[in-house]
């Protein structure tokens, strides 16, 4: 919204300044319960420290956390090919990485 206001020529509120920086972040997480018996893939989309949309493999859809995120989620959820790619991420990303790192992680369990 701020970018749109600046592009349209809106001036900031009296006594406030526009910051020159913003942060866009995408965070992918794999959650493992009992090895690979139960895996969950979560992908979070964050703008300026606020999560606006996320994908959860347990839900199987994108879920919006803000009005903009709801719009993005509807758009992404409407594309069957994109959604199939996202749903396969639990195998492609989580299971693959678990199998690569099991030899290292499982051997370290309980060490202090």
N, C-alpha and C. Protein backbone atom coordinates (compact mmCIF):
# COMPACT_ATOMS: atom_id res chain seq x y z
N UNK A 1 0.83 -1.19 0.00
CA UNK A 1 0.00 0.00 0.00
C UNK A 1 0.88 1.24 0.00
N UNK A 2 1.93 1.24 0.82
CA UNK A 2 2.81 2.40 0.90
C UNK A 2 3.45 2.70 -0.44
N UNK A 3 3.87 1.64 -1.15
CA UNK A 3 4.48 1.83 -2.47
C UNK A 3 3.48 2.46 -3.42
N UNK A 4 2.23 2.01 -3.39
CA UNK A 4 1.20 2.57 -4.26
C UNK A 4 0.98 4.04 -3.95
N UNK A 5 0.98 4.39 -2.67
CA UNK A 5 0.79 5.79 -2.29
C UNK A 5 1.94 6.65 -2.77
N UNK A 6 3.16 6.14 -2.65
CA UNK A 6 4.33 6.91 -3.10
C UNK A 6 4.29 7.08 -4.62
N UNK A 7 3.95 6.01 -5.34
CA UNK A 7 3.88 6.09 -6.81
C UNK A 7 2.81 7.08 -7.24
N UNK A 8 1.69 7.09 -6.52
CA UNK A 8 0.61 8.01 -6.87
C UNK A 8 0.87 9.44 -6.44
N UNK A 9 1.97 9.66 -5.71
CA UNK A 9 2.34 11.00 -5.33
C UNK A 9 1.78 11.45 -4.00
N UNK A 10 1.29 10.55 -3.18
CA UNK A 10 0.76 10.93 -1.87
C UNK A 10 1.91 11.36 -0.98
N UNK A 11 1.66 12.32 -0.15
CA UNK A 11 2.68 12.79 0.79
C UNK A 11 2.49 12.08 2.12
N UNK A 12 3.58 11.88 2.87
CA UNK A 12 3.45 11.23 4.17
C UNK A 12 2.68 12.10 5.15
N UNK A 13 2.19 11.47 6.21
CA UNK A 13 1.47 12.21 7.24
C UNK A 13 2.40 13.26 7.84
N UNK A 14 1.82 14.30 8.38
CA UNK A 14 2.59 15.40 8.96
C UNK A 14 3.49 14.85 10.06
N UNK A 15 4.77 15.20 10.01
CA UNK A 15 5.71 14.79 11.04
C UNK A 15 6.26 13.39 10.87
N UNK A 16 5.88 12.67 9.82
CA UNK A 16 6.42 11.32 9.63
C UNK A 16 7.26 11.29 8.36
N UNK A 17 8.17 10.34 8.32
CA UNK A 17 9.02 10.18 7.15
C UNK A 17 8.83 8.79 6.59
N UNK A 18 8.98 8.67 5.28
CA UNK A 18 8.92 7.35 4.65
C UNK A 18 10.26 6.66 4.86
N UNK A 19 10.23 5.42 5.27
CA UNK A 19 11.49 4.70 5.41
C UNK A 19 11.95 4.24 4.03
N UNK A 20 13.23 4.08 3.87
CA UNK A 20 13.78 3.67 2.59
C UNK A 20 13.95 2.18 2.45
N UNK A 21 13.57 1.42 3.48
CA UNK A 21 13.82 -0.01 3.42
C UNK A 21 12.57 -0.83 3.68
N UNK A 22 12.58 -2.03 3.14
CA UNK A 22 11.51 -2.98 3.40
C UNK A 22 12.13 -4.37 3.36
N UNK A 23 11.43 -5.34 3.87
CA UNK A 23 11.95 -6.70 3.91
C UNK A 23 10.91 -7.66 3.34
N UNK A 24 11.33 -8.46 2.40
CA UNK A 24 10.50 -9.54 1.84
C UNK A 24 11.22 -10.84 2.17
N UNK A 25 10.51 -11.79 2.77
CA UNK A 25 11.16 -13.02 3.20
C UNK A 25 10.24 -14.20 2.94
N UNK A 26 10.82 -15.30 2.49
CA UNK A 26 10.11 -16.56 2.33
C UNK A 26 10.85 -17.58 3.19
N UNK A 27 10.10 -18.27 4.02
CA UNK A 27 10.70 -19.21 4.95
C UNK A 27 10.05 -20.58 4.77
N UNK A 28 10.87 -21.59 4.52
CA UNK A 28 10.38 -22.97 4.36
C UNK A 28 10.78 -23.78 5.58
N UNK A 29 9.84 -24.57 6.08
CA UNK A 29 10.09 -25.37 7.27
C UNK A 29 9.63 -26.81 7.02
N UNK A 30 10.41 -27.75 7.55
CA UNK A 30 10.02 -29.15 7.54
C UNK A 30 9.88 -29.59 8.99
N UNK A 31 8.76 -30.19 9.32
CA UNK A 31 8.51 -30.70 10.66
C UNK A 31 8.43 -32.22 10.56
N UNK A 32 9.21 -32.90 11.38
CA UNK A 32 9.27 -34.36 11.36
C UNK A 32 8.79 -34.90 12.70
N UNK A 33 7.89 -35.85 12.67
CA UNK A 33 7.44 -36.55 13.86
C UNK A 33 7.70 -38.03 13.63
N UNK A 34 8.51 -38.63 14.50
CA UNK A 34 8.83 -40.05 14.38
C UNK A 34 9.48 -40.36 13.03
N UNK A 35 10.53 -39.64 12.74
CA UNK A 35 11.23 -39.84 11.47
C UNK A 35 10.39 -39.36 10.31
N UNK A 36 10.24 -40.21 9.31
CA UNK A 36 9.45 -39.82 8.14
C UNK A 36 8.03 -40.38 8.22
N UNK A 37 7.64 -40.93 9.38
CA UNK A 37 6.26 -41.41 9.51
C UNK A 37 5.26 -40.27 9.36
N UNK A 38 5.61 -39.13 9.87
CA UNK A 38 4.71 -37.97 9.82
C UNK A 38 5.55 -36.75 9.49
N UNK A 39 5.34 -36.19 8.30
CA UNK A 39 6.09 -35.00 7.89
C UNK A 39 5.11 -33.89 7.53
N UNK A 40 5.55 -32.67 7.77
CA UNK A 40 4.74 -31.50 7.46
C UNK A 40 5.65 -30.44 6.84
N UNK A 41 5.22 -29.87 5.73
CA UNK A 41 5.95 -28.80 5.05
C UNK A 41 5.16 -27.51 5.19
N UNK A 42 5.83 -26.47 5.65
CA UNK A 42 5.19 -25.16 5.81
C UNK A 42 6.06 -24.13 5.09
N UNK A 43 5.44 -23.31 4.27
CA UNK A 43 6.15 -22.24 3.58
C UNK A 43 5.45 -20.93 3.92
N UNK A 44 6.20 -20.00 4.50
CA UNK A 44 5.65 -18.73 4.97
C UNK A 44 6.17 -17.58 4.11
N UNK A 45 5.30 -16.66 3.77
CA UNK A 45 5.65 -15.47 3.00
C UNK A 45 5.45 -14.27 3.92
N UNK A 46 6.53 -13.50 4.11
CA UNK A 46 6.54 -12.44 5.12
C UNK A 46 6.97 -11.14 4.46
N UNK A 47 6.26 -10.08 4.78
CA UNK A 47 6.62 -8.74 4.30
C UNK A 47 6.68 -7.82 5.51
N UNK A 48 7.83 -7.19 5.70
CA UNK A 48 8.05 -6.28 6.84
C UNK A 48 7.61 -6.90 8.16
N UNK A 49 8.12 -8.08 8.44
CA UNK A 49 7.89 -8.82 9.69
C UNK A 49 6.44 -9.24 9.90
N UNK A 50 5.63 -9.22 8.86
CA UNK A 50 4.24 -9.67 8.98
C UNK A 50 3.99 -10.78 7.96
N UNK A 51 3.59 -11.94 8.46
CA UNK A 51 3.25 -13.04 7.57
C UNK A 51 1.93 -12.71 6.88
N UNK A 52 1.94 -12.79 5.54
CA UNK A 52 0.70 -12.45 4.83
C UNK A 52 0.05 -13.66 4.17
N UNK A 53 0.81 -14.70 3.89
CA UNK A 53 0.24 -15.92 3.33
C UNK A 53 1.17 -17.09 3.66
N UNK A 54 0.58 -18.29 3.79
CA UNK A 54 1.39 -19.47 4.06
C UNK A 54 0.78 -20.69 3.39
N UNK A 55 1.65 -21.66 3.13
CA UNK A 55 1.21 -22.96 2.63
C UNK A 55 1.54 -23.98 3.70
N UNK A 56 0.59 -24.83 4.03
CA UNK A 56 0.77 -25.90 5.00
C UNK A 56 0.38 -27.20 4.31
N UNK A 57 1.32 -28.15 4.24
CA UNK A 57 1.02 -29.40 3.53
C UNK A 57 -0.11 -30.19 4.19
N UNK A 58 -0.34 -29.99 5.49
CA UNK A 58 -1.46 -30.66 6.15
C UNK A 58 -2.80 -30.12 5.65
N UNK A 59 -2.85 -28.83 5.33
CA UNK A 59 -4.06 -28.21 4.80
C UNK A 59 -4.15 -28.45 3.29
N UNK A 60 -3.01 -28.36 2.60
CA UNK A 60 -2.96 -28.59 1.16
C UNK A 60 -3.30 -27.37 0.33
N UNK A 61 -3.44 -26.22 0.97
CA UNK A 61 -3.78 -24.97 0.29
C UNK A 61 -2.99 -23.82 0.89
N UNK A 62 -2.92 -22.72 0.15
CA UNK A 62 -2.39 -21.48 0.70
C UNK A 62 -3.50 -20.83 1.53
N UNK A 63 -3.10 -20.24 2.64
CA UNK A 63 -4.05 -19.56 3.53
C UNK A 63 -3.54 -18.15 3.75
N UNK A 64 -4.40 -17.16 3.52
CA UNK A 64 -4.03 -15.76 3.70
C UNK A 64 -4.22 -15.31 5.13
N UNK A 65 -3.27 -14.52 5.63
CA UNK A 65 -3.34 -13.97 6.98
C UNK A 65 -3.71 -12.50 6.99
N UNK A 66 -3.66 -11.86 5.85
CA UNK A 66 -4.02 -10.44 5.71
C UNK A 66 -4.95 -10.34 4.50
N UNK A 67 -5.61 -9.21 4.31
CA UNK A 67 -6.44 -9.06 3.10
C UNK A 67 -5.66 -9.29 1.81
N UNK A 68 -4.45 -8.75 1.74
CA UNK A 68 -3.63 -8.98 0.55
C UNK A 68 -3.27 -10.46 0.44
N UNK A 69 -2.91 -11.09 1.57
CA UNK A 69 -2.58 -12.51 1.58
C UNK A 69 -3.73 -13.39 1.13
N UNK A 70 -4.95 -13.01 1.50
CA UNK A 70 -6.13 -13.77 1.07
C UNK A 70 -6.29 -13.70 -0.45
N UNK A 71 -6.01 -12.53 -1.01
CA UNK A 71 -6.09 -12.36 -2.46
C UNK A 71 -5.02 -13.22 -3.15
N UNK A 72 -3.80 -13.19 -2.63
CA UNK A 72 -2.71 -13.99 -3.19
C UNK A 72 -3.04 -15.48 -3.07
N UNK A 73 -3.56 -15.90 -1.91
CA UNK A 73 -3.91 -17.30 -1.70
C UNK A 73 -4.98 -17.77 -2.69
N UNK A 74 -5.99 -16.96 -2.91
CA UNK A 74 -7.04 -17.33 -3.89
C UNK A 74 -6.43 -17.52 -5.28
N UNK A 75 -5.54 -16.61 -5.66
CA UNK A 75 -4.91 -16.68 -6.98
C UNK A 75 -4.06 -17.95 -7.10
N UNK A 76 -3.19 -18.21 -6.11
CA UNK A 76 -2.31 -19.38 -6.17
C UNK A 76 -3.12 -20.67 -6.08
N UNK A 77 -4.14 -20.70 -5.23
CA UNK A 77 -4.96 -21.91 -5.08
C UNK A 77 -5.76 -22.22 -6.34
N UNK A 78 -5.98 -21.24 -7.20
CA UNK A 78 -6.78 -21.45 -8.41
C UNK A 78 -5.99 -22.12 -9.53
N UNK A 79 -4.68 -22.29 -9.36
CA UNK A 79 -3.84 -22.89 -10.39
C UNK A 79 -3.51 -24.34 -10.00
N UNK A 80 -4.17 -25.33 -10.63
CA UNK A 80 -3.99 -26.74 -10.23
C UNK A 80 -2.55 -27.24 -10.38
N UNK A 81 -1.85 -26.82 -11.43
CA UNK A 81 -0.47 -27.28 -11.63
C UNK A 81 0.45 -26.74 -10.55
N UNK A 82 0.29 -25.47 -10.21
CA UNK A 82 1.09 -24.83 -9.16
C UNK A 82 0.82 -25.50 -7.81
N UNK A 83 -0.44 -25.83 -7.55
CA UNK A 83 -0.80 -26.45 -6.28
C UNK A 83 -0.24 -27.87 -6.19
N UNK A 84 -0.25 -28.60 -7.28
CA UNK A 84 0.32 -29.95 -7.27
C UNK A 84 1.82 -29.89 -6.99
N UNK A 85 2.49 -28.90 -7.56
CA UNK A 85 3.92 -28.70 -7.31
C UNK A 85 4.16 -28.39 -5.83
N UNK A 86 3.33 -27.54 -5.25
CA UNK A 86 3.44 -27.18 -3.82
C UNK A 86 3.17 -28.39 -2.93
N UNK A 87 2.15 -29.16 -3.26
CA UNK A 87 1.81 -30.33 -2.43
C UNK A 87 2.91 -31.39 -2.47
N UNK A 88 3.63 -31.47 -3.57
CA UNK A 88 4.72 -32.44 -3.69
C UNK A 88 5.98 -32.00 -2.95
N UNK A 89 6.00 -30.78 -2.46
CA UNK A 89 7.19 -30.26 -1.78
C UNK A 89 7.53 -31.06 -0.53
N UNK A 90 6.54 -31.63 0.12
CA UNK A 90 6.83 -32.42 1.32
C UNK A 90 7.73 -33.59 0.97
N UNK A 91 7.55 -34.21 -0.17
CA UNK A 91 8.42 -35.30 -0.60
C UNK A 91 9.71 -34.77 -1.22
N UNK A 92 9.57 -33.80 -2.10
CA UNK A 92 10.71 -33.28 -2.85
C UNK A 92 11.70 -32.57 -1.93
N UNK A 93 11.21 -31.84 -0.97
CA UNK A 93 12.06 -31.01 -0.13
C UNK A 93 12.35 -31.69 1.21
N UNK A 94 11.31 -32.02 1.96
CA UNK A 94 11.49 -32.53 3.32
C UNK A 94 12.03 -33.95 3.35
N UNK A 95 11.38 -34.86 2.65
CA UNK A 95 11.82 -36.26 2.70
C UNK A 95 13.23 -36.40 2.13
N UNK A 96 13.51 -35.69 1.05
CA UNK A 96 14.83 -35.73 0.43
C UNK A 96 15.90 -35.25 1.41
N UNK A 97 15.67 -34.09 2.04
CA UNK A 97 16.66 -33.55 2.98
C UNK A 97 16.79 -34.41 4.23
N UNK A 98 15.70 -35.01 4.67
CA UNK A 98 15.76 -35.88 5.84
C UNK A 98 16.66 -37.09 5.55
N UNK A 99 16.48 -37.67 4.39
CA UNK A 99 17.29 -38.84 4.03
C UNK A 99 18.76 -38.48 3.89
N UNK A 100 19.06 -37.28 3.41
CA UNK A 100 20.45 -36.85 3.27
C UNK A 100 21.11 -36.60 4.62
N UNK A 101 20.35 -36.12 5.60
CA UNK A 101 20.96 -35.71 6.87
C UNK A 101 20.70 -36.68 8.02
N UNK A 102 19.98 -37.77 7.80
CA UNK A 102 19.66 -38.70 8.88
C UNK A 102 20.91 -39.26 9.54
N UNK A 103 21.90 -39.64 8.77
CA UNK A 103 23.11 -40.24 9.33
C UNK A 103 23.77 -39.31 10.33
N UNK A 104 23.67 -38.01 10.10
CA UNK A 104 24.29 -37.03 10.98
C UNK A 104 23.38 -36.68 12.16
N UNK A 105 22.10 -36.44 11.89
CA UNK A 105 21.19 -35.98 12.93
C UNK A 105 20.83 -37.06 13.94
N UNK A 106 20.50 -38.25 13.48
CA UNK A 106 20.06 -39.31 14.37
C UNK A 106 21.19 -39.73 15.30
N UNK A 107 22.41 -39.75 14.83
CA UNK A 107 23.54 -40.12 15.67
C UNK A 107 23.82 -39.13 16.77
N UNK A 108 23.36 -37.90 16.64
CA UNK A 108 23.64 -36.85 17.62
C UNK A 108 22.51 -36.71 18.64
N UNK A 109 21.45 -37.44 18.49
CA UNK A 109 20.30 -37.31 19.38
C UNK A 109 20.71 -37.63 20.81
N UNK A 110 20.42 -36.74 21.74
CA UNK A 110 20.69 -36.97 23.15
C UNK A 110 22.09 -36.60 23.60
N UNK A 111 22.97 -36.24 22.70
CA UNK A 111 24.32 -35.84 23.10
C UNK A 111 24.30 -34.45 23.71
N UNK A 112 25.15 -34.25 24.68
CA UNK A 112 25.26 -32.91 25.33
C UNK A 112 26.69 -32.56 25.51
